[in-house]
Amino acid sequence: STSYAVTAHAHCPAVVVRGQSVVHAGPSHPVVAAF
């Protein structure tokens, strides 16, 4: 509930880190922009 509240009300971009391990954007991991 904290991560959801922060993403809803933060005054700057908010990131929620998901998954079992850390994934970073890079040549093999694209950035997906929803438009």
ModelCIF file with pLDDT and N, C-alpha, C, O atoms, coordinates in Angstrom:
data_MODEL
#
_entry.id   MODEL 
#
_entity.id                         1 
_entity.type                       polymer 
_entity.pdbx_number_of_molecules   1 
#
_entity_poly.entity_id                      1 
_entity_poly.type                           'polypeptide(L)' 
_entity_poly.nstd_linkage                   no 
_entity_poly.nstd_monomer                   no 
_entity_poly.pdbx_seq_one_letter_code       STSYAVTAHAHCPAVVVRGQSVVHAGPSHPVVAAF 
_entity_poly.pdbx_seq_one_letter_code_can   STSYAVTAHAHCPAVVVRGQSVVHAGPSHPVVAAF 
_entity_poly.pdbx_strand_id                 A 
#
loop_
_entity_poly_seq.entity_id 
_entity_poly_seq.num 
_entity_poly_seq.mon_id 
_entity_poly_seq.hetero 
1 1  SER n 
1 2  THR n 
1 3  SER n 
1 4  TYR n 
1 5  ALA n 
1 6  VAL n 
1 7  THR n 
1 8  ALA n 
1 9  HIS n 
1 10 ALA n 
1 11 HIS n 
1 12 CYS n 
1 13 PRO n 
1 14 ALA n 
1 15 VAL n 
1 16 VAL n 
1 17 VAL n 
1 18 ARG n 
1 19 GLY n 
1 20 GLN n 
1 21 SER n 
1 22 VAL n 
1 23 VAL n 
1 24 HIS n 
1 25 ALA n 
1 26 GLY n 
1 27 PRO n 
1 28 SER n 
1 29 HIS n 
1 30 PRO n 
1 31 VAL n 
1 32 VAL n 
1 33 ALA n 
1 34 ALA n 
1 35 PHE n 
#
_struct_asym.id          A 
_struct_asym.entity_id   1 
#
loop_
_ma_qa_metric.id 
_ma_qa_metric.mode 
_ma_qa_metric.name 
_ma_qa_metric.software_group_id 
_ma_qa_metric.type 
1 global pLDDT . pLDDT 
2 local  pLDDT . pLDDT 
#
_ma_qa_metric_global.metric_id      1 
_ma_qa_metric_global.metric_value   90.63 
_ma_qa_metric_global.model_id       1 
_ma_qa_metric_global.ordinal_id     1 
#
loop_
_ma_qa_metric_local.label_asym_id 
_ma_qa_metric_local.label_comp_id 
_ma_qa_metric_local.label_seq_id 
_ma_qa_metric_local.metric_id 
_ma_qa_metric_local.metric_value 
_ma_qa_metric_local.model_id 
_ma_qa_metric_local.ordinal_id 
A SER 1  2 76.00 1 1  
A THR 2  2 85.00 1 2  
A SER 3  2 86.00 1 3  
A TYR 4  2 81.00 1 4  
A ALA 5  2 85.00 1 5  
A VAL 6  2 89.00 1 6  
A THR 7  2 87.00 1 7  
A ALA 8  2 85.00 1 8  
A HIS 9  2 88.00 1 9  
A ALA 10 2 91.00 1 10 
A HIS 11 2 93.00 1 11 
A CYS 12 2 95.00 1 12 
A PRO 13 2 95.00 1 13 
A ALA 14 2 95.00 1 14 
A VAL 15 2 96.00 1 15 
A VAL 16 2 94.00 1 16 
A VAL 17 2 93.00 1 17 
A ARG 18 2 79.00 1 18 
A GLY 19 2 72.00 1 19 
A GLN 20 2 79.00 1 20 
A SER 21 2 87.00 1 21 
A VAL 22 2 91.00 1 22 
A VAL 23 2 93.00 1 23 
A HIS 24 2 95.00 1 24 
A ALA 25 2 97.00 1 25 
A GLY 26 2 97.00 1 26 
A PRO 27 2 97.00 1 27 
A SER 28 2 97.00 1 28 
A HIS 29 2 97.00 1 29 
A PRO 30 2 98.00 1 30 
A VAL 31 2 98.00 1 31 
A VAL 32 2 98.00 1 32 
A ALA 33 2 97.00 1 33 
A ALA 34 2 94.00 1 34 
A PHE 35 2 92.00 1 35 
#
loop_
_atom_site.group_PDB 
_atom_site.id 
_atom_site.type_symbol 
_atom_site.label_atom_id 
_atom_site.label_alt_id 
_atom_site.label_comp_id 
_atom_site.label_asym_id 
_atom_site.label_entity_id 
_atom_site.label_seq_id 
_atom_site.pdbx_PDB_ins_code 
_atom_site.Cartn_x 
_atom_site.Cartn_y 
_atom_site.Cartn_z 
_atom_site.occupancy 
_atom_site.B_iso_or_equiv 
_atom_site.pdbx_formal_charge 
_atom_site.auth_seq_id 
_atom_site.auth_comp_id 
_atom_site.auth_asym_id 
_atom_site.auth_atom_id 
_atom_site.pdbx_PDB_model_num 
ATOM 1   N N  . SER A 1 1  ? 0.820  -1.209  0.000   1.00 76.00 ? 1  SER A N  1 
ATOM 2   C CA . SER A 1 1  ? 0.000  0.000   0.000   1.00 76.00 ? 1  SER A CA 1 
ATOM 3   C C  . SER A 1 1  ? 0.857  1.262   0.000   1.00 76.00 ? 1  SER A C  1 
ATOM 4   O O  . SER A 1 1  ? 0.443  2.297   -0.523  1.00 76.00 ? 1  SER A O  1 
ATOM 5   N N  . THR A 1 2  ? 2.041  1.179   0.582   1.00 85.00 ? 2  THR A N  1 
ATOM 6   C CA . THR A 1 2  ? 2.939  2.334   0.591   1.00 85.00 ? 2  THR A CA 1 
ATOM 7   C C  . THR A 1 2  ? 3.418  2.657   -0.813  1.00 85.00 ? 2  THR A C  1 
ATOM 8   O O  . THR A 1 2  ? 3.373  3.814   -1.231  1.00 85.00 ? 2  THR A O  1 
ATOM 9   N N  . SER A 1 3  ? 3.876  1.651   -1.544  1.00 86.00 ? 3  SER A N  1 
ATOM 10  C CA . SER A 1 3  ? 4.365  1.903   -2.903  1.00 86.00 ? 3  SER A CA 1 
ATOM 11  C C  . SER A 1 3  ? 3.253  2.460   -3.778  1.00 86.00 ? 3  SER A C  1 
ATOM 12  O O  . SER A 1 3  ? 3.498  3.349   -4.593  1.00 86.00 ? 3  SER A O  1 
ATOM 13  N N  . TYR A 1 4  ? 2.026  1.949   -3.621  1.00 81.00 ? 4  TYR A N  1 
ATOM 14  C CA . TYR A 1 4  ? 0.921  2.475   -4.413  1.00 81.00 ? 4  TYR A CA 1 
ATOM 15  C C  . TYR A 1 4  ? 0.618  3.920   -4.040  1.00 81.00 ? 4  TYR A C  1 
ATOM 16  O O  . TYR A 1 4  ? 0.386  4.751   -4.919  1.00 81.00 ? 4  TYR A O  1 
ATOM 17  N N  . ALA A 1 5  ? 0.619  4.228   -2.751  1.00 85.00 ? 5  ALA A N  1 
ATOM 18  C CA . ALA A 1 5  ? 0.339  5.597   -2.319  1.00 85.00 ? 5  ALA A CA 1 
ATOM 19  C C  . ALA A 1 5  ? 1.401  6.562   -2.819  1.00 85.00 ? 5  ALA A C  1 
ATOM 20  O O  . ALA A 1 5  ? 1.084  7.680   -3.225  1.00 85.00 ? 5  ALA A O  1 
ATOM 21  N N  . VAL A 1 6  ? 2.651  6.140   -2.791  1.00 89.00 ? 6  VAL A N  1 
ATOM 22  C CA . VAL A 1 6  ? 3.729  7.005   -3.253  1.00 89.00 ? 6  VAL A CA 1 
ATOM 23  C C  . VAL A 1 6  ? 3.620  7.252   -4.751  1.00 89.00 ? 6  VAL A C  1 
ATOM 24  O O  . VAL A 1 6  ? 3.783  8.386   -5.203  1.00 89.00 ? 6  VAL A O  1 
ATOM 25  N N  . THR A 1 7  ? 3.347  6.206   -5.528  1.00 87.00 ? 7  THR A N  1 
ATOM 26  C CA . THR A 1 7  ? 3.214  6.412   -6.973  1.00 87.00 ? 7  THR A CA 1 
ATOM 27  C C  . THR A 1 7  ? 2.047  7.331   -7.299  1.00 87.00 ? 7  THR A C  1 
ATOM 28  O O  . THR A 1 7  ? 2.082  8.052   -8.296  1.00 87.00 ? 7  THR A O  1 
ATOM 29  N N  . ALA A 1 8  ? 1.019  7.308   -6.467  1.00 85.00 ? 8  ALA A N  1 
ATOM 30  C CA . ALA A 1 8  ? -0.157 8.142   -6.732  1.00 85.00 ? 8  ALA A CA 1 
ATOM 31  C C  . ALA A 1 8  ? 0.063  9.600   -6.354  1.00 85.00 ? 8  ALA A C  1 
ATOM 32  O O  . ALA A 1 8  ? -0.504 10.488  -6.989  1.00 85.00 ? 8  ALA A O  1 
ATOM 33  N N  . HIS A 1 9  ? 0.875  9.866   -5.333  1.00 88.00 ? 9  HIS A N  1 
ATOM 34  C CA . HIS A 1 9  ? 0.928  11.219  -4.770  1.00 88.00 ? 9  HIS A CA 1 
ATOM 35  C C  . HIS A 1 9  ? 2.301  11.880  -4.785  1.00 88.00 ? 9  HIS A C  1 
ATOM 36  O O  . HIS A 1 9  ? 2.422  13.034  -4.374  1.00 88.00 ? 9  HIS A O  1 
ATOM 37  N N  . ALA A 1 10 ? 3.324  11.195  -5.239  1.00 91.00 ? 10 ALA A N  1 
ATOM 38  C CA . ALA A 1 10 ? 4.670  11.782  -5.231  1.00 91.00 ? 10 ALA A CA 1 
ATOM 39  C C  . ALA A 1 10 ? 4.730  13.038  -6.091  1.00 91.00 ? 10 ALA A C  1 
ATOM 40  O O  . ALA A 1 10 ? 4.015  13.165  -7.085  1.00 91.00 ? 10 ALA A O  1 
ATOM 41  N N  . HIS A 1 11 ? 5.590  13.954  -5.691  1.00 93.00 ? 11 HIS A N  1 
ATOM 42  C CA . HIS A 1 11 ? 5.762  15.210  -6.422  1.00 93.00 ? 11 HIS A CA 1 
ATOM 43  C C  . HIS A 1 11 ? 6.830  15.103  -7.510  1.00 93.00 ? 11 HIS A C  1 
ATOM 44  O O  . HIS A 1 11 ? 7.090  16.070  -8.227  1.00 93.00 ? 11 HIS A O  1 
ATOM 45  N N  . CYS A 1 12 ? 7.439  13.943  -7.628  1.00 95.00 ? 12 CYS A N  1 
ATOM 46  C CA . CYS A 1 12 ? 8.464  13.699  -8.639  1.00 95.00 ? 12 CYS A CA 1 
ATOM 47  C C  . CYS A 1 12 ? 8.202  12.307  -9.221  1.00 95.00 ? 12 CYS A C  1 
ATOM 48  O O  . CYS A 1 12 ? 7.331  11.598  -8.716  1.00 95.00 ? 12 CYS A O  1 
ATOM 49  N N  . PRO A 1 13 ? 8.922  11.897  -10.260 1.00 95.00 ? 13 PRO A N  1 
ATOM 50  C CA . PRO A 1 13 ? 8.743  10.526  -10.757 1.00 95.00 ? 13 PRO A CA 1 
ATOM 51  C C  . PRO A 1 13 ? 8.956  9.508   -9.644  1.00 95.00 ? 13 PRO A C  1 
ATOM 52  O O  . PRO A 1 13 ? 9.865  9.640   -8.824  1.00 95.00 ? 13 PRO A O  1 
ATOM 53  N N  . ALA A 1 14 ? 8.102  8.493   -9.634  1.00 95.00 ? 14 ALA A N  1 
ATOM 54  C CA . ALA A 1 14 ? 8.162  7.453   -8.607  1.00 95.00 ? 14 ALA A CA 1 
ATOM 55  C C  . ALA A 1 14 ? 8.409  6.101   -9.262  1.00 95.00 ? 14 ALA A C  1 
ATOM 56  O O  . ALA A 1 14 ? 7.783  5.760   -10.266 1.00 95.00 ? 14 ALA A O  1 
ATOM 57  N N  . VAL A 1 15 ? 9.329  5.335   -8.683  1.00 96.00 ? 15 VAL A N  1 
ATOM 58  C CA . VAL A 1 15 ? 9.669  4.017   -9.225  1.00 96.00 ? 15 VAL A CA 1 
ATOM 59  C C  . VAL A 1 15 ? 9.331  2.944   -8.200  1.00 96.00 ? 15 VAL A C  1 
ATOM 60  O O  . VAL A 1 15 ? 9.681  3.056   -7.025  1.00 96.00 ? 15 VAL A O  1 
ATOM 61  N N  . VAL A 1 16 ? 8.650  1.911   -8.657  1.00 94.00 ? 16 VAL A N  1 
ATOM 62  C CA . VAL A 1 16 ? 8.414  0.721   -7.843  1.00 94.00 ? 16 VAL A CA 1 
ATOM 63  C C  . VAL A 1 16 ? 9.236  -0.405  -8.448  1.00 94.00 ? 16 VAL A C  1 
ATOM 64  O O  . VAL A 1 16 ? 9.083  -0.727  -9.627  1.00 94.00 ? 16 VAL A O  1 
ATOM 65  N N  . VAL A 1 17 ? 10.102 -0.999  -7.652  1.00 93.00 ? 17 VAL A N  1 
ATOM 66  C CA . VAL A 1 17 ? 10.989 -2.058  -8.138  1.00 93.00 ? 17 VAL A CA 1 
ATOM 67  C C  . VAL A 1 17 ? 10.301 -3.399  -7.944  1.00 93.00 ? 17 VAL A C  1 
ATOM 68  O O  . VAL A 1 17 ? 9.957  -3.782  -6.825  1.00 93.00 ? 17 VAL A O  1 
ATOM 69  N N  . ARG A 1 18 ? 10.107 -4.104  -9.049  1.00 79.00 ? 18 ARG A N  1 
ATOM 70  C CA . ARG A 1 18 ? 9.373  -5.361  -9.063  1.00 79.00 ? 18 ARG A CA 1 
ATOM 71  C C  . ARG A 1 18 ? 10.305 -6.537  -9.324  1.00 79.00 ? 18 ARG A C  1 
ATOM 72  O O  . ARG A 1 18 ? 11.459 -6.360  -9.715  1.00 79.00 ? 18 ARG A O  1 
ATOM 73  N N  . GLY A 1 19 ? 9.785  -7.738  -9.101  1.00 72.00 ? 19 GLY A N  1 
ATOM 74  C CA . GLY A 1 19 ? 10.491 -8.949  -9.494  1.00 72.00 ? 19 GLY A CA 1 
ATOM 75  C C  . GLY A 1 19 ? 11.290 -9.573  -8.372  1.00 72.00 ? 19 GLY A C  1 
ATOM 76  O O  . GLY A 1 19 ? 11.364 -9.047  -7.261  1.00 72.00 ? 19 GLY A O  1 
ATOM 77  N N  . GLN A 1 20 ? 11.891 -10.717 -8.693  1.00 79.00 ? 20 GLN A N  1 
ATOM 78  C CA . GLN A 1 20 ? 12.686 -11.466 -7.728  1.00 79.00 ? 20 GLN A CA 1 
ATOM 79  C C  . GLN A 1 20 ? 14.136 -11.004 -7.689  1.00 79.00 ? 20 GLN A C  1 
ATOM 80  O O  . GLN A 1 20 ? 14.855 -11.292 -6.732  1.00 79.00 ? 20 GLN A O  1 
ATOM 81  N N  . SER A 1 21 ? 14.564 -10.293 -8.717  1.00 87.00 ? 21 SER A N  1 
ATOM 82  C CA . SER A 1 21 ? 15.930 -9.778  -8.778  1.00 87.00 ? 21 SER A CA 1 
ATOM 83  C C  . SER A 1 21 ? 15.899 -8.427  -9.469  1.00 87.00 ? 21 SER A C  1 
ATOM 84  O O  . SER A 1 21 ? 14.909 -8.065  -10.104 1.00 87.00 ? 21 SER A O  1 
ATOM 85  N N  . VAL A 1 22 ? 16.984 -7.687  -9.342  1.00 91.00 ? 22 VAL A N  1 
ATOM 86  C CA . VAL A 1 22 ? 17.031 -6.341  -9.911  1.00 91.00 ? 22 VAL A CA 1 
ATOM 87  C C  . VAL A 1 22 ? 17.269 -6.403  -11.413 1.00 91.00 ? 22 VAL A C  1 
ATOM 88  O O  . VAL A 1 22 ? 18.166 -7.102  -11.883 1.00 91.00 ? 22 VAL A O  1 
ATOM 89  N N  . VAL A 1 23 ? 16.458 -5.668  -12.154 1.00 93.00 ? 23 VAL A N  1 
ATOM 90  C CA . VAL A 1 23 ? 16.623 -5.544  -13.603 1.00 93.00 ? 23 VAL A CA 1 
ATOM 91  C C  . VAL A 1 23 ? 16.860 -4.078  -13.912 1.00 93.00 ? 23 VAL A C  1 
ATOM 92  O O  . VAL A 1 23 ? 16.178 -3.203  -13.379 1.00 93.00 ? 23 VAL A O  1 
ATOM 93  N N  . HIS A 1 24 ? 17.834 -3.813  -14.781 1.00 95.00 ? 24 HIS A N  1 
ATOM 94  C CA . HIS A 1 24 ? 18.122 -2.441  -15.189 1.00 95.00 ? 24 HIS A CA 1 
ATOM 95  C C  . HIS A 1 24 ? 17.949 -2.303  -16.697 1.00 95.00 ? 24 HIS A C  1 
ATOM 96  O O  . HIS A 1 24 ? 18.216 -3.238  -17.452 1.00 95.00 ? 24 HIS A O  1 
ATOM 97  N N  . ALA A 1 25 ? 17.508 -1.149  -17.119 1.00 97.00 ? 25 ALA A N  1 
ATOM 98  C CA . ALA A 1 25 ? 17.434 -0.868  -18.546 1.00 97.00 ? 25 ALA A CA 1 
ATOM 99  C C  . ALA A 1 25 ? 18.835 -0.908  -19.134 1.00 97.00 ? 25 ALA A C  1 
ATOM 100 O O  . ALA A 1 25 ? 19.794 -0.455  -18.509 1.00 97.00 ? 25 ALA A O  1 
ATOM 101 N N  . GLY A 1 26 ? 18.947 -1.450  -20.338 1.00 97.00 ? 26 GLY A N  1 
ATOM 102 C CA . GLY A 1 26 ? 20.240 -1.561  -21.000 1.00 97.00 ? 26 GLY A CA 1 
ATOM 103 C C  . GLY A 1 26 ? 20.057 -2.137  -22.385 1.00 97.00 ? 26 GLY A C  1 
ATOM 104 O O  . GLY A 1 26 ? 18.921 -2.308  -22.829 1.00 97.00 ? 26 GLY A O  1 
ATOM 105 N N  . PRO A 1 27 ? 21.146 -2.444  -23.088 1.00 97.00 ? 27 PRO A N  1 
ATOM 106 C CA . PRO A 1 27 ? 21.049 -2.945  -24.457 1.00 97.00 ? 27 PRO A CA 1 
ATOM 107 C C  . PRO A 1 27 ? 20.135 -4.161  -24.617 1.00 97.00 ? 27 PRO A C  1 
ATOM 108 O O  . PRO A 1 27 ? 19.494 -4.313  -25.657 1.00 97.00 ? 27 PRO A O  1 
ATOM 109 N N  . SER A 1 28 ? 20.065 -5.027  -23.602 1.00 97.00 ? 28 SER A N  1 
ATOM 110 C CA . SER A 1 28 ? 19.233 -6.232  -23.687 1.00 97.00 ? 28 SER A CA 1 
ATOM 111 C C  . SER A 1 28 ? 17.887 -6.083  -22.992 1.00 97.00 ? 28 SER A C  1 
ATOM 112 O O  . SER A 1 28 ? 17.057 -6.991  -23.035 1.00 97.00 ? 28 SER A O  1 
ATOM 113 N N  . HIS A 1 29 ? 17.670 -4.933  -22.350 1.00 97.00 ? 29 HIS A N  1 
ATOM 114 C CA . HIS A 1 29 ? 16.435 -4.709  -21.604 1.00 97.00 ? 29 HIS A CA 1 
ATOM 115 C C  . HIS A 1 29 ? 15.885 -3.327  -21.964 1.00 97.00 ? 29 HIS A C  1 
ATOM 116 O O  . HIS A 1 29 ? 16.309 -2.325  -21.388 1.00 97.00 ? 29 HIS A O  1 
ATOM 117 N N  . PRO A 1 30 ? 14.950 -3.267  -22.907 1.00 98.00 ? 30 PRO A N  1 
ATOM 118 C CA . PRO A 1 30 ? 14.469 -1.965  -23.385 1.00 98.00 ? 30 PRO A CA 1 
ATOM 119 C C  . PRO A 1 30 ? 13.667 -1.197  -22.350 1.00 98.00 ? 30 PRO A C  1 
ATOM 120 O O  . PRO A 1 30 ? 13.160 -1.752  -21.375 1.00 98.00 ? 30 PRO A O  1 
ATOM 121 N N  . VAL A 1 31 ? 13.574 0.097   -22.598 1.00 98.00 ? 31 VAL A N  1 
ATOM 122 C CA . VAL A 1 31 ? 12.674 0.963   -21.849 1.00 98.00 ? 31 VAL A CA 1 
ATOM 123 C C  . VAL A 1 31 ? 11.345 0.985   -22.594 1.00 98.00 ? 31 VAL A C  1 
ATOM 124 O O  . VAL A 1 31 ? 11.302 1.309   -23.781 1.00 98.00 ? 31 VAL A O  1 
ATOM 125 N N  . VAL A 1 32 ? 10.271 0.646   -21.906 1.00 98.00 ? 32 VAL A N  1 
ATOM 126 C CA . VAL A 1 32 ? 8.941  0.635   -22.518 1.00 98.00 ? 32 VAL A CA 1 
ATOM 127 C C  . VAL A 1 32 ? 8.183  1.878   -22.048 1.00 98.00 ? 32 VAL A C  1 
ATOM 128 O O  . VAL A 1 32 ? 7.974  2.069   -20.851 1.00 98.00 ? 32 VAL A O  1 
ATOM 129 N N  . ALA A 1 33 ? 7.777  2.712   -22.992 1.00 97.00 ? 33 ALA A N  1 
ATOM 130 C CA . ALA A 1 33 ? 7.016  3.921   -22.672 1.00 97.00 ? 33 ALA A CA 1 
ATOM 131 C C  . ALA A 1 33 ? 5.577  3.731   -23.126 1.00 97.00 ? 33 ALA A C  1 
ATOM 132 O O  . ALA A 1 33 ? 5.320  3.512   -24.310 1.00 97.00 ? 33 ALA A O  1 
ATOM 133 N N  . ALA A 1 34 ? 4.637  3.812   -22.188 1.00 94.00 ? 34 ALA A N  1 
ATOM 134 C CA . ALA A 1 34 ? 3.219  3.724   -22.520 1.00 94.00 ? 34 ALA A CA 1 
ATOM 135 C C  . ALA A 1 34 ? 2.732  5.108   -22.935 1.00 94.00 ? 34 ALA A C  1 
ATOM 136 O O  . ALA A 1 34 ? 2.968  6.093   -22.235 1.00 94.00 ? 34 ALA A O  1 
ATOM 137 N N  . PHE A 1 35 ? 2.055  5.173   -24.073 1.00 92.00 ? 35 PHE A N  1 
ATOM 138 C CA . PHE A 1 35 ? 1.724  6.478   -24.653 1.00 92.00 ? 35 PHE A CA 1 
ATOM 139 C C  . PHE A 1 35 ? 0.260  6.521   -25.076 1.00 92.00 ? 35 PHE A C  1 
ATOM 140 O O  . PHE A 1 35 ? -0.205 7.540   -25.587 1.00 92.00 ? 35 PHE A O  1 
#
